[in-house]
Amino acid sequence: MGSRLRKGAYLIHARNVAIMSITVYTTAPDEKTAEALSKAIIEESLGKCCNFWPVRTIYSWKGEIKNDTEHVIFIKTTKNKFKDLEKYIVKNHLYSMPAIVSLSWDDSHEPFKNWINTNE
């Protein structure tokens, strides 16, 4: 009986993880690419909403300091879609090593979170 309770509790926990809301951070080299990638992500139902905007980026690449412009993309989605979203970005991104970072939502506006978590 005890192991069933533990197993049941684990299953409940696993279901809660599957619907956890996240924001995935990535970047694109320009606005046109950011818009196309964002639109495709929404069309593929890998995200519910994308925001993108221009930024300046300074980074080290192959021993050189680079100073570029690019577009940050925030993708609002659920944790259970992350692996498919990651694969999609890697396959369709212009960068050889795109930034793909999941940010969990510790707190959020409940109606917005519910909208992100629905499968419309």
PDB file of N, CA and C in Angstrom:
ATOM      1  N   MET A   1       0.821  -1.196   0.000  1.00  0.00           N
ATOM      2  CA  MET A   1       0.000   0.000   0.000  1.00  0.00           C
ATOM      3  C   MET A   1       0.864   1.258   0.000  1.00  0.00           C
ATOM      4  N   GLY A   2       1.947   1.233   0.798  1.00  0.00           N
ATOM      5  CA  GLY A   2       2.818   2.400   0.873  1.00  0.00           C
ATOM      6  C   GLY A   2       3.442   2.754  -0.465  1.00  0.00           C
ATOM      7  N   SER A   3       3.898   1.754  -1.224  1.00  0.00           N
ATOM      8  CA  SER A   3       4.531   2.039  -2.510  1.00  0.00           C
ATOM      9  C   SER A   3       3.514   2.608  -3.505  1.00  0.00           C
ATOM     10  N   ARG A   4       2.272   2.166  -3.402  1.00  0.00           N
ATOM     11  CA  ARG A   4       1.247   2.740  -4.282  1.00  0.00           C
ATOM     12  C   ARG A   4       1.041   4.220  -3.982  1.00  0.00           C
ATOM     13  N   LEU A   5       1.038   4.557  -2.724  1.00  0.00           N
ATOM     14  CA  LEU A   5       0.876   5.970  -2.376  1.00  0.00           C
ATOM     15  C   LEU A   5       2.046   6.782  -2.917  1.00  0.00           C
ATOM     16  N   ARG A   6       3.244   6.254  -2.748  1.00  0.00           N
ATOM     17  CA  ARG A   6       4.402   6.979  -3.276  1.00  0.00           C
ATOM     18  C   ARG A   6       4.334   7.064  -4.800  1.00  0.00           C
ATOM     19  N   LYS A   7       3.982   5.968  -5.426  1.00  0.00           N
ATOM     20  CA  LYS A   7       3.886   5.971  -6.883  1.00  0.00           C
ATOM     21  C   LYS A   7       2.800   6.944  -7.330  1.00  0.00           C
ATOM     22  N   GLY A   8       1.679   6.935  -6.661  1.00  0.00           N
ATOM     23  CA  GLY A   8       0.605   7.862  -7.001  1.00  0.00           C
ATOM     24  C   GLY A   8       1.028   9.307  -6.842  1.00  0.00           C
ATOM     25  N   ALA A   9       1.730   9.603  -5.770  1.00  0.00           N
ATOM     26  CA  ALA A   9       2.212  10.965  -5.550  1.00  0.00           C
ATOM     27  C   ALA A   9       3.185  11.360  -6.654  1.00  0.00           C
ATOM     28  N   TYR A  10       4.023  10.414  -7.062  1.00  0.00           N
ATOM     29  CA  TYR A  10       4.972  10.694  -8.141  1.00  0.00           C
ATOM     30  C   TYR A  10       4.217  10.998  -9.438  1.00  0.00           C
ATOM     31  N   LEU A  11       3.177  10.232  -9.726  1.00  0.00           N
ATOM     32  CA  LEU A  11       2.410  10.466 -10.950  1.00  0.00           C
ATOM     33  C   LEU A  11       1.738  11.818 -10.926  1.00  0.00           C
ATOM     34  N   ILE A  12       1.228  12.209  -9.791  1.00  0.00           N
ATOM     35  CA  ILE A  12       0.627  13.546  -9.678  1.00  0.00           C
ATOM     36  C   ILE A  12       1.693  14.595  -9.945  1.00  0.00           C
ATOM     37  N   HIS A  13       2.882  14.425  -9.342  1.00  0.00           N
ATOM     38  CA  HIS A  13       3.973  15.367  -9.563  1.00  0.00           C
ATOM     39  C   HIS A  13       4.349  15.409 -11.046  1.00  0.00           C
ATOM     40  N   ALA A  14       4.432  14.267 -11.700  1.00  0.00           N
ATOM     41  CA  ALA A  14       4.804  14.221 -13.111  1.00  0.00           C
ATOM     42  C   ALA A  14       3.790  14.971 -13.966  1.00  0.00           C
ATOM     43  N   ARG A  15       2.505  14.846 -13.650  1.00  0.00           N
ATOM     44  CA  ARG A  15       1.490  15.578 -14.407  1.00  0.00           C
ATOM     45  C   ARG A  15       1.649  17.079 -14.212  1.00  0.00           C
ATOM     46  N   ASN A  16       1.957  17.526 -13.002  1.00  0.00           N
ATOM     47  CA  ASN A  16       2.141  18.952 -12.755  1.00  0.00           C
ATOM     48  C   ASN A  16       3.340  19.501 -13.513  1.00  0.00           C
ATOM     49  N   VAL A  17       4.411  18.749 -13.617  1.00  0.00           N
ATOM     50  CA  VAL A  17       5.579  19.180 -14.370  1.00  0.00           C
ATOM     51  C   VAL A  17       5.220  19.341 -15.843  1.00  0.00           C
ATOM     52  N   ALA A  18       4.412  18.432 -16.376  1.00  0.00           N
ATOM     53  CA  ALA A  18       4.057  18.460 -17.788  1.00  0.00           C
ATOM     54  C   ALA A  18       3.316  19.725 -18.182  1.00  0.00           C
ATOM     55  N   ILE A  19       2.609  20.355 -17.256  1.00  0.00           N
ATOM     56  CA  ILE A  19       1.874  21.569 -17.605  1.00  0.00           C
ATOM     57  C   ILE A  19       2.521  22.827 -17.022  1.00  0.00           C
ATOM     58  N   MET A  20       3.767  22.715 -16.606  1.00  0.00           N
ATOM     59  CA  MET A  20       4.469  23.871 -16.071  1.00  0.00           C
ATOM     60  C   MET A  20       4.760  24.870 -17.196  1.00  0.00           C
ATOM     61  N   SER A  21       4.446  26.130 -16.967  1.00  0.00           N
ATOM     62  CA  SER A  21       4.714  27.177 -17.955  1.00  0.00           C
ATOM     63  C   SER A  21       6.173  27.587 -17.910  1.00  0.00           C
ATOM     64  N   ILE A  22       6.731  27.849 -19.091  1.00  0.00           N
ATOM     65  CA  ILE A  22       8.107  28.318 -19.208  1.00  0.00           C
ATOM     66  C   ILE A  22       8.194  29.395 -20.282  1.00  0.00           C
ATOM     67  N   THR A  23       9.249  30.173 -20.230  1.00  0.00           N
ATOM     68  CA  THR A  23       9.618  31.069 -21.320  1.00  0.00           C
ATOM     69  C   THR A  23      10.945  30.568 -21.851  1.00  0.00           C
ATOM     70  N   VAL A  24      11.037  30.396 -23.142  1.00  0.00           N
ATOM     71  CA  VAL A  24      12.282  29.967 -23.765  1.00  0.00           C
ATOM     72  C   VAL A  24      12.914  31.187 -24.429  1.00  0.00           C
ATOM     73  N   TYR A  25      14.170  31.412 -24.069  1.00  0.00           N
ATOM     74  CA  TYR A  25      14.958  32.515 -24.611  1.00  0.00           C
ATOM     75  C   TYR A  25      15.807  32.000 -25.764  1.00  0.00           C
ATOM     76  N   THR A  26      15.761  32.703 -26.881  1.00  0.00           N
ATOM     77  CA  THR A  26      16.687  32.451 -27.978  1.00  0.00           C
ATOM     78  C   THR A  26      16.938  33.778 -28.673  1.00  0.00           C
ATOM     79  N   THR A  27      17.797  33.783 -29.661  1.00  0.00           N
ATOM     80  CA  THR A  27      18.090  35.001 -30.413  1.00  0.00           C
ATOM     81  C   THR A  27      18.078  34.689 -31.897  1.00  0.00           C
ATOM     82  N   ALA A  28      17.995  35.743 -32.698  1.00  0.00           N
ATOM     83  CA  ALA A  28      18.048  35.627 -34.156  1.00  0.00           C
ATOM     84  C   ALA A  28      18.900  36.784 -34.682  1.00  0.00           C
ATOM     85  N   PRO A  29      19.485  36.622 -35.865  1.00  0.00           N
ATOM     86  CA  PRO A  29      20.392  37.655 -36.361  1.00  0.00           C
ATOM     87  C   PRO A  29      19.719  38.966 -36.781  1.00  0.00           C
ATOM     88  N   ASP A  30      18.420  38.926 -37.102  1.00  0.00           N
ATOM     89  CA  ASP A  30      17.739  40.141 -37.559  1.00  0.00           C
ATOM     90  C   ASP A  30      16.230  40.005 -37.351  1.00  0.00           C
ATOM     91  N   GLU A  31      15.504  41.099 -37.585  1.00  0.00           N
ATOM     92  CA  GLU A  31      14.057  41.117 -37.345  1.00  0.00           C
ATOM     93  C   GLU A  31      13.306  40.149 -38.260  1.00  0.00           C
ATOM     94  N   LYS A  32      13.688  40.084 -39.522  1.00  0.00           N
ATOM     95  CA  LYS A  32      13.000  39.202 -40.466  1.00  0.00           C
ATOM     96  C   LYS A  32      13.097  37.739 -40.018  1.00  0.00           C
ATOM     97  N   THR A  33      14.282  37.324 -39.596  1.00  0.00           N
ATOM     98  CA  THR A  33      14.483  35.956 -39.126  1.00  0.00           C
ATOM     99  C   THR A  33      13.727  35.703 -37.828  1.00  0.00           C
ATOM    100  N   ALA A  34      13.763  36.670 -36.911  1.00  0.00           N
ATOM    101  CA  ALA A  34      13.043  36.527 -35.637  1.00  0.00           C
ATOM    102  C   ALA A  34      11.546  36.389 -35.878  1.00  0.00           C
ATOM    103  N   GLU A  35      11.017  37.193 -36.796  1.00  0.00           N
ATOM    104  CA  GLU A  35       9.586  37.126 -37.098  1.00  0.00           C
ATOM    105  C   GLU A  35       9.219  35.786 -37.743  1.00  0.00           C
ATOM    106  N   ALA A  36      10.018  35.338 -38.698  1.00  0.00           N
ATOM    107  CA  ALA A  36       9.725  34.070 -39.374  1.00  0.00           C
ATOM    108  C   ALA A  36       9.805  32.894 -38.407  1.00  0.00           C
ATOM    109  N   LEU A  37      10.830  32.875 -37.561  1.00  0.00           N
ATOM    110  CA  LEU A  37      10.975  31.793 -36.592  1.00  0.00           C
ATOM    111  C   LEU A  37       9.821  31.820 -35.589  1.00  0.00           C
ATOM    112  N   SER A  38       9.465  33.004 -35.104  1.00  0.00           N
ATOM    113  CA  SER A  38       8.361  33.135 -34.149  1.00  0.00           C
ATOM    114  C   SER A  38       7.043  32.656 -34.757  1.00  0.00           C
ATOM    115  N   LYS A  39       6.766  33.084 -35.967  1.00  0.00           N
ATOM    116  CA  LYS A  39       5.518  32.681 -36.631  1.00  0.00           C
ATOM    117  C   LYS A  39       5.465  31.165 -36.813  1.00  0.00           C
ATOM    118  N   ALA A  40       6.566  30.569 -37.245  1.00  0.00           N
ATOM    119  CA  ALA A  40       6.604  29.118 -37.455  1.00  0.00           C
ATOM    120  C   ALA A  40       6.420  28.362 -36.146  1.00  0.00           C
ATOM    121  N   ILE A  41       7.002  28.853 -35.071  1.00  0.00           N
ATOM    122  CA  ILE A  41       6.856  28.221 -33.752  1.00  0.00           C
ATOM    123  C   ILE A  41       5.392  28.218 -33.322  1.00  0.00           C
ATOM    124  N   ILE A  42       4.697  29.318 -33.548  1.00  0.00           N
ATOM    125  CA  ILE A  42       3.268  29.394 -33.209  1.00  0.00           C
ATOM    126  C   ILE A  42       2.464  28.464 -34.126  1.00  0.00           C
ATOM    127  N   GLU A  43       2.759  28.492 -35.413  1.00  0.00           N
ATOM    128  CA  GLU A  43       2.034  27.628 -36.360  1.00  0.00           C
ATOM    129  C   GLU A  43       2.232  26.150 -36.055  1.00  0.00           C
ATOM    130  N   GLU A  44       3.406  25.767 -35.557  1.00  0.00           N
ATOM    131  CA  GLU A  44       3.705  24.373 -35.211  1.00  0.00           C
ATOM    132  C   GLU A  44       3.190  24.002 -33.819  1.00  0.00           C
ATOM    133  N   SER A  45       2.528  24.951 -33.152  1.00  0.00           N
ATOM    134  CA  SER A  45       1.988  24.762 -31.790  1.00  0.00           C
ATOM    135  C   SER A  45       3.079  24.397 -30.781  1.00  0.00           C
ATOM    136  N   LEU A  46       4.274  24.906 -30.993  1.00  0.00           N
ATOM    137  CA  LEU A  46       5.367  24.682 -30.050  1.00  0.00           C
ATOM    138  C   LEU A  46       5.441  25.798 -29.015  1.00  0.00           C
ATOM    139  N   GLY A  47       4.745  26.879 -29.263  1.00  0.00           N
ATOM    140  CA  GLY A  47       4.661  28.002 -28.345  1.00  0.00           C
ATOM    141  C   GLY A  47       3.319  28.666 -28.506  1.00  0.00           C
ATOM    142  N   LYS A  48       2.922  29.418 -27.498  1.00  0.00           N
ATOM    143  CA  LYS A  48       1.625  30.095 -27.529  1.00  0.00           C
ATOM    144  C   LYS A  48       1.764  31.563 -27.926  1.00  0.00           C
ATOM    145  N   CYS A  49       2.927  32.153 -27.603  1.00  0.00           N
ATOM    146  CA  CYS A  49       3.141  33.581 -27.840  1.00  0.00           C
ATOM    147  C   CYS A  49       4.640  33.834 -27.927  1.00  0.00           C
ATOM    148  N   CYS A  50       5.055  34.662 -28.864  1.00  0.00           N
ATOM    149  CA  CYS A  50       6.468  35.052 -28.981  1.00  0.00           C
ATOM    150  C   CYS A  50       6.586  36.571 -28.969  1.00  0.00           C
ATOM    151  N   ASN A  51       7.598  37.063 -28.305  1.00  0.00           N
ATOM    152  CA  ASN A  51       7.962  38.475 -28.336  1.00  0.00           C
ATOM    153  C   ASN A  51       9.383  38.556 -28.857  1.00  0.00           C
ATOM    154  N   PHE A  52       9.675  39.566 -29.664  1.00  0.00           N
ATOM    155  CA  PHE A  52      11.058  39.755 -30.100  1.00  0.00           C
ATOM    156  C   PHE A  52      11.356  41.238 -30.247  1.00  0.00           C
ATOM    157  N   TRP A  53      12.624  41.577 -30.017  1.00  0.00           N
ATOM    158  CA  TRP A  53      13.057  42.962 -30.073  1.00  0.00           C
ATOM    159  C   TRP A  53      14.564  43.011 -30.303  1.00  0.00           C
ATOM    160  N   PRO A  54      15.052  44.145 -30.841  1.00  0.00           N
ATOM    161  CA  PRO A  54      16.487  44.263 -31.133  1.00  0.00           C
ATOM    162  C   PRO A  54      17.308  44.525 -29.868  1.00  0.00           C
ATOM    163  N   VAL A  55      18.526  43.985 -29.880  1.00  0.00           N
ATOM    164  CA  VAL A  55      19.479  44.206 -28.785  1.00  0.00           C
ATOM    165  C   VAL A  55      20.889  44.306 -29.362  1.00  0.00           C
ATOM    166  N   ARG A  56      21.778  44.899 -28.593  1.00  0.00           N
ATOM    167  CA  ARG A  56      23.213  44.859 -28.892  1.00  0.00           C
ATOM    168  C   ARG A  56      23.805  43.694 -28.128  1.00  0.00           C
ATOM    169  N   THR A  57      24.722  42.985 -28.737  1.00  0.00           N
ATOM    170  CA  THR A  57      25.335  41.813 -28.127  1.00  0.00           C
ATOM    171  C   THR A  57      26.851  41.901 -28.260  1.00  0.00           C
ATOM    172  N   ILE A  58      27.533  41.743 -27.130  1.00  0.00           N
ATOM    173  CA  ILE A  58      28.990  41.650 -27.120  1.00  0.00           C
ATOM    174  C   ILE A  58      29.337  40.277 -26.566  1.00  0.00           C
ATOM    175  N   TYR A  59      30.151  39.529 -27.303  1.00  0.00           N
ATOM    176  CA  TYR A  59      30.459  38.161 -26.905  1.00  0.00           C
ATOM    177  C   TYR A  59      31.823  37.749 -27.462  1.00  0.00           C
ATOM    178  N   SER A  60      32.343  36.679 -26.912  1.00  0.00           N
ATOM    179  CA  SER A  60      33.601  36.113 -27.386  1.00  0.00           C
ATOM    180  C   SER A  60      33.287  34.910 -28.275  1.00  0.00           C
ATOM    181  N   TRP A  61      33.875  34.885 -29.483  1.00  0.00           N
ATOM    182  CA  TRP A  61      33.647  33.778 -30.401  1.00  0.00           C
ATOM    183  C   TRP A  61      34.950  33.448 -31.115  1.00  0.00           C
ATOM    184  N   LYS A  62      35.413  32.221 -30.903  1.00  0.00           N
ATOM    185  CA  LYS A  62      36.636  31.725 -31.527  1.00  0.00           C
ATOM    186  C   LYS A  62      37.814  32.671 -31.284  1.00  0.00           C
ATOM    187  N   GLY A  63      37.929  33.117 -30.017  1.00  0.00           N
ATOM    188  CA  GLY A  63      39.056  33.945 -29.610  1.00  0.00           C
ATOM    189  C   GLY A  63      38.949  35.417 -29.944  1.00  0.00           C
ATOM    190  N   GLU A  64      37.851  35.845 -30.528  1.00  0.00           N
ATOM    191  CA  GLU A  64      37.663  37.252 -30.874  1.00  0.00           C
ATOM    192  C   GLU A  64      36.465  37.835 -30.136  1.00  0.00           C
ATOM    193  N   ILE A  65      36.578  39.112 -29.773  1.00  0.00           N
ATOM    194  CA  ILE A  65      35.452  39.833 -29.174  1.00  0.00           C
ATOM    195  C   ILE A  65      34.583  40.362 -30.315  1.00  0.00           C
ATOM    196  N   LYS A  66      33.305  39.989 -30.288  1.00  0.00           N
ATOM    197  CA  LYS A  66      32.350  40.411 -31.314  1.00  0.00           C
ATOM    198  C   LYS A  66      31.395  41.441 -30.727  1.00  0.00           C
ATOM    199  N   ASN A  67      30.945  42.359 -31.552  1.00  0.00           N
ATOM    200  CA  ASN A  67      29.999  43.395 -31.153  1.00  0.00           C
ATOM    201  C   ASN A  67      28.961  43.481 -32.269  1.00  0.00           C
ATOM    202  N   ASP A  68      27.779  42.893 -32.028  1.00  0.00           N
ATOM    203  CA  ASP A  68      26.761  42.765 -33.071  1.00  0.00           C
ATOM    204  C   ASP A  68      25.403  43.250 -32.578  1.00  0.00           C
ATOM    205  N   THR A  69      24.478  43.265 -33.498  1.00  0.00           N
ATOM    206  CA  THR A  69      23.074  43.444 -33.163  1.00  0.00           C
ATOM    207  C   THR A  69      22.365  42.139 -33.505  1.00  0.00           C
ATOM    208  N   GLU A  70      21.347  41.835 -32.759  1.00  0.00           N
ATOM    209  CA  GLU A  70      20.503  40.671 -33.029  1.00  0.00           C
ATOM    210  C   GLU A  70      19.157  40.912 -32.382  1.00  0.00           C
ATOM    211  N   HIS A  71      18.272  39.953 -32.476  1.00  0.00           N
ATOM    212  CA  HIS A  71      16.944  40.055 -31.868  1.00  0.00           C
ATOM    213  C   HIS A  71      16.770  38.952 -30.832  1.00  0.00           C
ATOM    214  N   VAL A  72      16.380  39.347 -29.630  1.00  0.00           N
ATOM    215  CA  VAL A  72      16.015  38.400 -28.581  1.00  0.00           C
ATOM    216  C   VAL A  72      14.598  37.916 -28.888  1.00  0.00           C
ATOM    217  N   ILE A  73      14.357  36.638 -28.685  1.00  0.00           N
ATOM    218  CA  ILE A  73      13.007  36.079 -28.824  1.00  0.00           C
ATOM    219  C   ILE A  73      12.643  35.403 -27.510  1.00  0.00           C
ATOM    220  N   PHE A  74      11.496  35.790 -26.942  1.00  0.00           N
ATOM    221  CA  PHE A  74      10.916  35.102 -25.792  1.00  0.00           C
ATOM    222  C   PHE A  74       9.733  34.285 -26.300  1.00  0.00           C
ATOM    223  N   ILE A  75       9.758  32.999 -26.023  1.00  0.00           N
ATOM    224  CA  ILE A  75       8.695  32.089 -26.458  1.00  0.00           C
ATOM    225  C   ILE A  75       7.982  31.574 -25.215  1.00  0.00           C
ATOM    226  N   LYS A  76       6.708  31.888 -25.067  1.00  0.00           N
ATOM    227  CA  LYS A  76       5.925  31.377 -23.935  1.00  0.00           C
ATOM    228  C   LYS A  76       5.325  30.049 -24.333  1.00  0.00           C
ATOM    229  N   THR A  77       5.601  29.026 -23.516  1.00  0.00           N
ATOM    230  CA  THR A  77       5.166  27.673 -23.840  1.00  0.00           C
ATOM    231  C   THR A  77       5.068  26.854 -22.553  1.00  0.00           C
ATOM    232  N   THR A  78       5.005  25.537 -22.697  1.00  0.00           N
ATOM    233  CA  THR A  78       4.958  24.649 -21.536  1.00  0.00           C
ATOM    234  C   THR A  78       6.175  23.735 -21.538  1.00  0.00           C
ATOM    235  N   LYS A  79       6.526  23.270 -20.358  1.00  0.00           N
ATOM    236  CA  LYS A  79       7.721  22.434 -20.187  1.00  0.00           C
ATOM    237  C   LYS A  79       7.660  21.168 -21.052  1.00  0.00           C
ATOM    238  N   ASN A  80       6.482  20.596 -21.204  1.00  0.00           N
ATOM    239  CA  ASN A  80       6.385  19.358 -21.985  1.00  0.00           C
ATOM    240  C   ASN A  80       6.634  19.583 -23.479  1.00  0.00           C
ATOM    241  N   LYS A  81       6.673  20.824 -23.939  1.00  0.00           N
ATOM    242  CA  LYS A  81       6.969  21.110 -25.344  1.00  0.00           C
ATOM    243  C   LYS A  81       8.425  21.503 -25.569  1.00  0.00           C
ATOM    244  N   PHE A  82       9.199  21.626 -24.489  1.00  0.00           N
ATOM    245  CA  PHE A  82      10.559  22.160 -24.617  1.00  0.00           C
ATOM    246  C   PHE A  82      11.432  21.349 -25.570  1.00  0.00           C
ATOM    247  N   LYS A  83      11.501  20.037 -25.418  1.00  0.00           N
ATOM    248  CA  LYS A  83      12.400  19.226 -26.253  1.00  0.00           C
ATOM    249  C   LYS A  83      12.048  19.344 -27.737  1.00  0.00           C
ATOM    250  N   ASP A  84      10.762  19.317 -28.064  1.00  0.00           N
ATOM    251  CA  ASP A  84      10.357  19.476 -29.469  1.00  0.00           C
ATOM    252  C   ASP A  84      10.687  20.887 -29.969  1.00  0.00           C
ATOM    253  N   LEU A  85      10.468  21.887 -29.117  1.00  0.00           N
ATOM    254  CA  LEU A  85      10.799  23.266 -29.481  1.00  0.00           C
ATOM    255  C   LEU A  85      12.305  23.414 -29.691  1.00  0.00           C
ATOM    256  N   GLU A  86      13.091  22.841 -28.792  1.00  0.00           N
ATOM    257  CA  GLU A  86      14.548  22.893 -28.915  1.00  0.00           C
ATOM    258  C   GLU A  86      15.002  22.273 -30.246  1.00  0.00           C
ATOM    259  N   LYS A  87      14.485  21.099 -30.571  1.00  0.00           N
ATOM    260  CA  LYS A  87      14.835  20.436 -31.836  1.00  0.00           C
ATOM    261  C   LYS A  87      14.443  21.307 -33.032  1.00  0.00           C
ATOM    262  N   TYR A  88      13.271  21.915 -32.955  1.00  0.00           N
ATOM    263  CA  TYR A  88      12.794  22.756 -34.053  1.00  0.00           C
ATOM    264  C   TYR A  88      13.715  23.963 -34.252  1.00  0.00           C
ATOM    265  N   ILE A  89      14.076  24.617 -33.156  1.00  0.00           N
ATOM    266  CA  ILE A  89      14.955  25.781 -33.257  1.00  0.00           C
ATOM    267  C   ILE A  89      16.307  25.380 -33.841  1.00  0.00           C
ATOM    268  N   VAL A  90      16.905  24.307 -33.317  1.00  0.00           N
ATOM    269  CA  VAL A  90      18.209  23.856 -33.819  1.00  0.00           C
ATOM    270  C   VAL A  90      18.136  23.558 -35.316  1.00  0.00           C
ATOM    271  N   LYS A  91      17.085  22.884 -35.743  1.00  0.00           N
ATOM    272  CA  LYS A  91      16.937  22.500 -37.153  1.00  0.00           C
ATOM    273  C   LYS A  91      16.733  23.708 -38.071  1.00  0.00           C
ATOM    274  N   ASN A  92      16.035  24.738 -37.579  1.00  0.00           N
ATOM    275  CA  ASN A  92      15.625  25.853 -38.438  1.00  0.00           C
ATOM    276  C   ASN A  92      16.370  27.158 -38.171  1.00  0.00           C
ATOM    277  N   HIS A  93      17.361  27.145 -37.328  1.00  0.00           N
ATOM    278  CA  HIS A  93      18.074  28.366 -36.945  1.00  0.00           C
ATOM    279  C   HIS A  93      19.267  28.599 -37.855  1.00  0.00           C
ATOM    280  N   LEU A  94      19.599  29.867 -38.070  1.00  0.00           N
ATOM    281  CA  LEU A  94      20.750  30.210 -38.899  1.00  0.00           C
ATOM    282  C   LEU A  94      22.076  30.060 -38.150  1.00  0.00           C
ATOM    283  N   TYR A  95      22.047  30.150 -36.817  1.00  0.00           N
ATOM    284  CA  TYR A  95      23.281  30.025 -36.039  1.00  0.00           C
ATOM    285  C   TYR A  95      23.668  28.554 -35.904  1.00  0.00           C
ATOM    286  N   SER A  96      24.960  28.285 -35.891  1.00  0.00           N
ATOM    287  CA  SER A  96      25.431  26.913 -35.697  1.00  0.00           C
ATOM    288  C   SER A  96      25.210  26.442 -34.262  1.00  0.00           C
ATOM    289  N   MET A  97      25.143  27.373 -33.318  1.00  0.00           N
ATOM    290  CA  MET A  97      24.909  27.043 -31.914  1.00  0.00           C
ATOM    291  C   MET A  97      23.968  28.094 -31.307  1.00  0.00           C
ATOM    292  N   PRO A  98      22.665  27.980 -31.584  1.00  0.00           N
ATOM    293  CA  PRO A  98      21.739  28.993 -31.050  1.00  0.00           C
ATOM    294  C   PRO A  98      21.607  28.903 -29.526  1.00  0.00           C
ATOM    295  N   ALA A  99      21.418  30.045 -28.916  1.00  0.00           N
ATOM    296  CA  ALA A  99      21.080  30.077 -27.488  1.00  0.00           C
ATOM    297  C   ALA A  99      19.653  29.574 -27.350  1.00  0.00           C
ATOM    298  N   ILE A 100      19.451  28.580 -26.495  1.00  0.00           N
ATOM    299  CA  ILE A 100      18.108  28.066 -26.216  1.00  0.00           C
ATOM    300  C   ILE A 100      18.079  27.801 -24.717  1.00  0.00           C
ATOM    301  N   VAL A 101      17.399  28.672 -23.983  1.00  0.00           N
ATOM    302  CA  VAL A 101      17.403  28.609 -22.521  1.00  0.00           C
ATOM    303  C   VAL A 101      15.969  28.644 -22.011  1.00  0.00           C
ATOM    304  N   SER A 102      15.627  27.686 -21.167  1.00  0.00           N
ATOM    305  CA  SER A 102      14.296  27.621 -20.558  1.00  0.00           C
ATOM    306  C   SER A 102      14.306  28.365 -19.225  1.00  0.00           C
ATOM    307  N   LEU A 103      13.344  29.251 -19.049  1.00  0.00           N
ATOM    308  CA  LEU A 103      13.178  30.000 -17.807  1.00  0.00           C
ATOM    309  C   LEU A 103      11.839  29.606 -17.186  1.00  0.00           C
ATOM    310  N   SER A 104      11.884  29.008 -16.002  1.00  0.00           N
ATOM    311  CA  SER A 104      10.633  28.563 -15.374  1.00  0.00           C
ATOM    312  C   SER A 104       9.903  29.746 -14.753  1.00  0.00           C
ATOM    313  N   TRP A 105       8.608  29.597 -14.616  1.00  0.00           N
ATOM    314  CA  TRP A 105       7.769  30.636 -14.033  1.00  0.00           C
ATOM    315  C   TRP A 105       7.503  30.285 -12.577  1.00  0.00           C
ATOM    316  N   ASP A 106       8.204  30.905 -11.670  1.00  0.00           N
ATOM    317  CA  ASP A 106       7.929  30.682 -10.250  1.00  0.00           C
ATOM    318  C   ASP A 106       6.593  31.310  -9.865  1.00  0.00           C
ATOM    319  N   ASP A 107       6.341  32.480 -10.392  1.00  0.00           N
ATOM    320  CA  ASP A 107       5.082  33.189 -10.148  1.00  0.00           C
ATOM    321  C   ASP A 107       4.613  33.781 -11.468  1.00  0.00           C
ATOM    322  N   SER A 108       3.303  33.820 -11.653  1.00  0.00           N
ATOM    323  CA  SER A 108       2.753  34.415 -12.867  1.00  0.00           C
ATOM    324  C   SER A 108       1.287  34.753 -12.647  1.00  0.00           C
ATOM    325  N   HIS A 109       0.775  35.624 -13.508  1.00  0.00           N
ATOM    326  CA  HIS A 109      -0.637  35.991 -13.485  1.00  0.00           C
ATOM    327  C   HIS A 109      -1.448  34.771 -13.914  1.00  0.00           C
ATOM    328  N   GLU A 110      -2.294  34.261 -13.045  1.00  0.00           N
ATOM    329  CA  GLU A 110      -3.004  32.991 -13.251  1.00  0.00           C
ATOM    330  C   GLU A 110      -3.780  32.924 -14.572  1.00  0.00           C
ATOM    331  N   PRO A 111      -4.564  33.949 -14.957  1.00  0.00           N
ATOM    332  CA  PRO A 111      -5.287  33.848 -16.237  1.00  0.00           C
ATOM    333  C   PRO A 111      -4.335  33.733 -17.441  1.00  0.00           C
ATOM    334  N   PHE A 112      -3.220  34.445 -17.396  1.00  0.00           N
ATOM    335  CA  PHE A 112      -2.246  34.347 -18.496  1.00  0.00           C
ATOM    336  C   PHE A 112      -1.622  32.955 -18.537  1.00  0.00           C
ATOM    337  N   LYS A 113      -1.225  32.444 -17.378  1.00  0.00           N
ATOM    338  CA  LYS A 113      -0.634  31.106 -17.306  1.00  0.00           C
ATOM    339  C   LYS A 113      -1.618  30.058 -17.824  1.00  0.00           C
ATOM    340  N   ASN A 114      -2.886  30.185 -17.471  1.00  0.00           N
ATOM    341  CA  ASN A 114      -3.897  29.233 -17.945  1.00  0.00           C
ATOM    342  C   ASN A 114      -4.035  29.277 -19.465  1.00  0.00           C
ATOM    343  N   TRP A 115      -3.943  30.471 -20.040  1.00  0.00           N
ATOM    344  CA  TRP A 115      -4.016  30.609 -21.498  1.00  0.00           C
ATOM    345  C   TRP A 115      -2.815  29.921 -22.161  1.00  0.00           C
ATOM    346  N   ILE A 116      -1.632  30.126 -21.622  1.00  0.00           N
ATOM    347  CA  ILE A 116      -0.428  29.487 -22.162  1.00  0.00           C
ATOM    348  C   ILE A 116      -0.563  27.973 -22.091  1.00  0.00           C
ATOM    349  N   ASN A 117      -1.142  27.468 -21.011  1.00  0.00           N
ATOM    350  CA  ASN A 117      -1.232  26.026 -20.789  1.00  0.00           C
ATOM    351  C   ASN A 117      -2.363  25.330 -21.558  1.00  0.00           C
ATOM    352  N   THR A 118      -3.241  26.081 -22.194  1.00  0.00           N
ATOM    353  CA  THR A 118      -4.339  25.445 -22.936  1.00  0.00           C
ATOM    354  C   THR A 118      -3.859  25.016 -24.313  1.00  0.00           C
ATOM    355  N   ASN A 119      -4.455  23.988 -24.843  1.00  0.00           N
ATOM    356  CA  ASN A 119      -4.124  23.492 -26.171  1.00  0.00           C
ATOM    357  C   ASN A 119      -5.234  23.865 -27.136  1.00  0.00           C
ATOM    358  N   GLU A 120      -5.226  25.093 -27.598  1.00  0.00           N
ATOM    359  CA  GLU A 120      -6.252  25.525 -28.557  1.00  0.00           C
ATOM    360  C   GLU A 120      -5.815  25.214 -29.962  1.00  0.00           C
TER     361      GLU A 120
END
